[in-house]
Amino acid sequence: MRIPVGLQNAMSQQAQAERERQARVILGEAEVQVSEQFSQASLAYADNPVALHLRAMNMLYEAIRDKGATVIVPSAAVETMGLGGMLALTSMGKQQ
């Protein structure tokens, strides 16, 4: 049995459209899961600013360690994490 070329093309396009639809559904489901996890994390961090501070410092460490590059941190973030005072104390300690 031979399938006409036009029908083959139509079937191919339909299969491609179905694959794209499935990919979008999977991506949407993943987004829902991620947003739920972020929501849970935000509740934990809201009640524990020290945990948020440690997580922010850990994220900086991971970025520097994995990429082996310089990371530019906005001054507001440095102040929020309290790194400015720590860096100053470290610098003063080296001078003495």
N, C-alpha and C. Protein backbone atom coordinates (compact mmCIF):
# COMPACT_ATOMS: atom_id res chain seq x y z
N MET A 1 0.84 -1.16 0.00
CA MET A 1 0.00 0.00 0.00
C MET A 1 0.90 1.24 0.00
N ARG A 2 0.57 2.20 -0.83
CA ARG A 2 1.34 3.44 -0.94
C ARG A 2 0.51 4.59 -0.37
N ILE A 3 1.16 5.37 0.43
CA ILE A 3 0.50 6.56 0.99
C ILE A 3 0.91 7.74 0.13
N PRO A 4 -0.07 8.49 -0.36
CA PRO A 4 0.25 9.66 -1.20
C PRO A 4 1.16 10.64 -0.45
N VAL A 5 2.02 11.30 -1.22
CA VAL A 5 2.99 12.24 -0.65
C VAL A 5 2.27 13.33 0.14
N GLY A 6 1.19 13.85 -0.36
CA GLY A 6 0.45 14.90 0.35
C GLY A 6 -0.04 14.42 1.71
N LEU A 7 -0.51 13.18 1.76
CA LEU A 7 -0.98 12.62 3.02
C LEU A 7 0.20 12.37 3.97
N GLN A 8 1.34 11.94 3.41
CA GLN A 8 2.54 11.74 4.24
C GLN A 8 2.96 13.06 4.90
N ASN A 9 2.94 14.12 4.10
CA ASN A 9 3.31 15.44 4.62
C ASN A 9 2.34 15.89 5.71
N ALA A 10 1.06 15.69 5.48
CA ALA A 10 0.05 16.07 6.47
C ALA A 10 0.23 15.27 7.77
N MET A 11 0.49 13.98 7.64
CA MET A 11 0.70 13.15 8.82
C MET A 11 1.96 13.57 9.57
N SER A 12 3.01 13.92 8.84
CA SER A 12 4.27 14.37 9.44
C SER A 12 4.05 15.68 10.21
N GLN A 13 3.31 16.61 9.60
CA GLN A 13 3.04 17.89 10.26
C GLN A 13 2.19 17.68 11.51
N GLN A 14 1.23 16.77 11.44
CA GLN A 14 0.40 16.49 12.59
C GLN A 14 1.23 15.89 13.72
N ALA A 15 2.12 14.98 13.39
CA ALA A 15 2.98 14.36 14.40
C ALA A 15 3.90 15.40 15.04
N GLN A 16 4.44 16.29 14.23
CA GLN A 16 5.31 17.35 14.75
C GLN A 16 4.52 18.27 15.67
N ALA A 17 3.32 18.64 15.28
CA ALA A 17 2.48 19.50 16.11
C ALA A 17 2.17 18.82 17.45
N GLU A 18 1.92 17.53 17.43
CA GLU A 18 1.64 16.79 18.66
C GLU A 18 2.87 16.74 19.57
N ARG A 19 4.05 16.55 19.00
CA ARG A 19 5.27 16.56 19.80
C ARG A 19 5.49 17.92 20.45
N GLU A 20 5.25 18.98 19.69
CA GLU A 20 5.40 20.33 20.24
C GLU A 20 4.39 20.58 21.35
N ARG A 21 3.16 20.10 21.17
CA ARG A 21 2.12 20.27 22.19
C ARG A 21 2.53 19.54 23.46
N GLN A 22 3.02 18.32 23.33
CA GLN A 22 3.44 17.55 24.50
C GLN A 22 4.62 18.22 25.21
N ALA A 23 5.53 18.78 24.44
CA ALA A 23 6.67 19.47 25.03
C ALA A 23 6.19 20.68 25.83
N ARG A 24 5.21 21.41 25.32
CA ARG A 24 4.68 22.58 26.03
C ARG A 24 3.95 22.17 27.30
N VAL A 25 3.23 21.06 27.25
CA VAL A 25 2.53 20.57 28.43
C VAL A 25 3.55 20.20 29.51
N ILE A 26 4.58 19.48 29.11
CA ILE A 26 5.62 19.08 30.07
C ILE A 26 6.30 20.30 30.66
N LEU A 27 6.62 21.28 29.82
CA LEU A 27 7.26 22.50 30.31
C LEU A 27 6.33 23.24 31.27
N GLY A 28 5.05 23.30 30.96
CA GLY A 28 4.09 23.96 31.84
C GLY A 28 4.00 23.27 33.19
N GLU A 29 3.98 21.94 33.19
CA GLU A 29 3.93 21.18 34.44
C GLU A 29 5.19 21.42 35.27
N ALA A 30 6.32 21.49 34.60
CA ALA A 30 7.58 21.77 35.31
C ALA A 30 7.55 23.16 35.93
N GLU A 31 7.01 24.13 35.22
CA GLU A 31 6.91 25.49 35.74
C GLU A 31 6.05 25.54 37.00
N VAL A 32 4.94 24.79 36.99
CA VAL A 32 4.06 24.74 38.16
C VAL A 32 4.82 24.16 39.36
N GLN A 33 5.56 23.08 39.13
CA GLN A 33 6.32 22.46 40.22
C GLN A 33 7.37 23.41 40.77
N VAL A 34 8.07 24.09 39.88
CA VAL A 34 9.11 25.03 40.31
C VAL A 34 8.48 26.17 41.10
N SER A 35 7.37 26.71 40.62
CA SER A 35 6.74 27.83 41.33
C SER A 35 6.25 27.40 42.71
N GLU A 36 5.75 26.17 42.85
CA GLU A 36 5.33 25.68 44.15
C GLU A 36 6.52 25.55 45.10
N GLN A 37 7.65 25.08 44.58
CA GLN A 37 8.84 24.97 45.42
C GLN A 37 9.36 26.33 45.84
N PHE A 38 9.33 27.30 44.92
CA PHE A 38 9.76 28.66 45.27
C PHE A 38 8.83 29.25 46.32
N SER A 39 7.55 28.98 46.20
CA SER A 39 6.58 29.48 47.17
C SER A 39 6.87 28.92 48.56
N GLN A 40 7.16 27.63 48.63
CA GLN A 40 7.50 27.00 49.91
C GLN A 40 8.79 27.59 50.48
N ALA A 41 9.76 27.78 49.60
CA ALA A 41 11.05 28.34 50.05
C ALA A 41 10.86 29.76 50.56
N SER A 42 10.04 30.55 49.89
CA SER A 42 9.84 31.93 50.33
C SER A 42 9.23 31.98 51.72
N LEU A 43 8.33 31.05 52.02
CA LEU A 43 7.74 31.00 53.36
C LEU A 43 8.80 30.66 54.41
N ALA A 44 9.67 29.74 54.08
CA ALA A 44 10.74 29.37 55.02
C ALA A 44 11.70 30.53 55.23
N TYR A 45 12.06 31.23 54.15
CA TYR A 45 12.99 32.34 54.27
C TYR A 45 12.35 33.55 54.95
N ALA A 46 11.05 33.75 54.79
CA ALA A 46 10.38 34.88 55.42
C ALA A 46 10.48 34.79 56.93
N ASP A 47 10.43 33.59 57.46
CA ASP A 47 10.50 33.39 58.90
C ASP A 47 11.92 33.24 59.42
N ASN A 48 12.89 33.18 58.53
CA ASN A 48 14.26 32.93 58.95
C ASN A 48 15.23 33.73 58.07
N PRO A 49 15.46 35.00 58.41
CA PRO A 49 16.35 35.82 57.58
C PRO A 49 17.79 35.30 57.56
N VAL A 50 18.22 34.61 58.59
CA VAL A 50 19.57 34.05 58.60
C VAL A 50 19.69 32.98 57.51
N ALA A 51 18.65 32.17 57.36
CA ALA A 51 18.67 31.14 56.31
C ALA A 51 18.74 31.80 54.93
N LEU A 52 18.01 32.89 54.73
CA LEU A 52 18.06 33.61 53.45
C LEU A 52 19.45 34.16 53.21
N HIS A 53 20.04 34.71 54.24
CA HIS A 53 21.39 35.26 54.15
C HIS A 53 22.39 34.16 53.76
N LEU A 54 22.30 33.02 54.43
CA LEU A 54 23.20 31.91 54.12
C LEU A 54 22.98 31.38 52.71
N ARG A 55 21.74 31.33 52.28
CA ARG A 55 21.45 30.86 50.92
C ARG A 55 22.03 31.81 49.88
N ALA A 56 21.91 33.11 50.12
CA ALA A 56 22.47 34.10 49.19
C ALA A 56 23.99 33.96 49.10
N MET A 57 24.63 33.77 50.25
CA MET A 57 26.07 33.60 50.25
C MET A 57 26.46 32.30 49.54
N ASN A 58 25.68 31.25 49.74
CA ASN A 58 25.94 29.98 49.08
C ASN A 58 25.81 30.10 47.57
N MET A 59 24.80 30.86 47.12
CA MET A 59 24.62 31.06 45.68
C MET A 59 25.82 31.78 45.08
N LEU A 60 26.33 32.78 45.79
CA LEU A 60 27.53 33.48 45.31
C LEU A 60 28.71 32.53 45.24
N TYR A 61 28.89 31.74 46.27
CA TYR A 61 29.99 30.78 46.30
C TYR A 61 29.89 29.80 45.14
N GLU A 62 28.69 29.27 44.89
CA GLU A 62 28.50 28.31 43.80
C GLU A 62 28.81 28.95 42.45
N ALA A 63 28.41 30.20 42.27
CA ALA A 63 28.68 30.88 41.01
C ALA A 63 30.17 31.06 40.78
N ILE A 64 30.88 31.42 41.82
CA ILE A 64 32.32 31.62 41.71
C ILE A 64 33.03 30.29 41.52
N ARG A 65 32.63 29.28 42.28
CA ARG A 65 33.29 27.98 42.22
C ARG A 65 33.07 27.30 40.87
N ASP A 66 31.84 27.27 40.40
CA ASP A 66 31.52 26.55 39.17
C ASP A 66 32.06 27.25 37.92
N LYS A 67 31.98 28.55 37.89
CA LYS A 67 32.40 29.27 36.69
C LYS A 67 33.86 29.70 36.74
N GLY A 68 34.40 29.78 37.93
CA GLY A 68 35.78 30.21 38.07
C GLY A 68 35.99 31.62 37.56
N ALA A 69 34.98 32.46 37.74
CA ALA A 69 35.05 33.82 37.21
C ALA A 69 34.71 34.82 38.30
N THR A 70 34.90 36.06 37.98
CA THR A 70 34.55 37.14 38.89
C THR A 70 33.04 37.36 38.83
N VAL A 71 32.45 37.56 39.99
CA VAL A 71 31.02 37.84 40.07
C VAL A 71 30.85 39.26 40.57
N ILE A 72 30.10 40.06 39.85
CA ILE A 72 29.84 41.44 40.26
C ILE A 72 28.54 41.44 41.06
N VAL A 73 28.63 41.90 42.29
CA VAL A 73 27.48 41.93 43.18
C VAL A 73 27.10 43.39 43.43
N PRO A 74 25.84 43.76 43.18
CA PRO A 74 25.41 45.14 43.45
C PRO A 74 25.63 45.50 44.92
N SER A 75 25.96 46.77 45.17
CA SER A 75 26.25 47.19 46.54
C SER A 75 25.06 46.95 47.46
N ALA A 76 23.83 47.08 46.96
CA ALA A 76 22.66 46.84 47.80
C ALA A 76 22.63 45.39 48.28
N ALA A 77 23.02 44.47 47.41
CA ALA A 77 23.04 43.06 47.79
C ALA A 77 24.13 42.80 48.82
N VAL A 78 25.28 43.46 48.65
CA VAL A 78 26.37 43.31 49.61
C VAL A 78 25.92 43.81 50.98
N GLU A 79 25.23 44.96 51.00
CA GLU A 79 24.74 45.49 52.27
C GLU A 79 23.69 44.57 52.89
N THR A 80 22.81 44.04 52.07
CA THR A 80 21.77 43.15 52.57
C THR A 80 22.36 41.90 53.21
N MET A 81 23.40 41.37 52.60
CA MET A 81 24.03 40.16 53.11
C MET A 81 25.04 40.45 54.21
N GLY A 82 25.30 41.71 54.46
CA GLY A 82 26.25 42.05 55.51
C GLY A 82 27.69 41.75 55.13
N LEU A 83 27.97 41.62 53.86
CA LEU A 83 29.32 41.28 53.43
C LEU A 83 30.27 42.46 53.54
N GLY A 84 29.74 43.68 53.43
CA GLY A 84 30.60 44.86 53.48
C GLY A 84 31.40 44.92 54.75
N GLY A 85 30.74 44.75 55.88
CA GLY A 85 31.43 44.78 57.16
C GLY A 85 32.41 43.63 57.30
N MET A 86 32.03 42.48 56.82
CA MET A 86 32.91 41.31 56.91
C MET A 86 34.15 41.52 56.04
N LEU A 87 33.97 42.09 54.85
CA LEU A 87 35.12 42.34 53.98
C LEU A 87 36.04 43.39 54.58
N ALA A 88 35.46 44.40 55.20
CA ALA A 88 36.27 45.44 55.82
C ALA A 88 37.08 44.87 56.99
N LEU A 89 36.43 44.05 57.81
CA LEU A 89 37.15 43.45 58.93
C LEU A 89 38.27 42.54 58.45
N THR A 90 38.01 41.79 57.39
CA THR A 90 39.02 40.91 56.84
C THR A 90 40.21 41.72 56.32
N SER A 91 39.89 42.83 55.64
CA SER A 91 40.94 43.69 55.11
C SER A 91 41.75 44.31 56.22
N MET A 92 41.09 44.78 57.29
CA MET A 92 41.79 45.39 58.43
C MET A 92 42.66 44.36 59.13
N GLY A 93 42.18 43.14 59.21
CA GLY A 93 42.95 42.08 59.86
C GLY A 93 44.25 41.79 59.14
N LYS A 94 44.23 41.89 57.82
CA LYS A 94 45.43 41.63 57.02
C LYS A 94 46.45 42.75 57.18
N GLN A 95 45.97 44.00 57.44
CA GLN A 95 46.87 45.13 57.58
C GLN A 95 47.63 45.11 58.89
N GLN A 96 47.03 44.50 59.91
CA GLN A 96 47.66 44.52 61.25
C GLN A 96 48.74 43.52 61.39
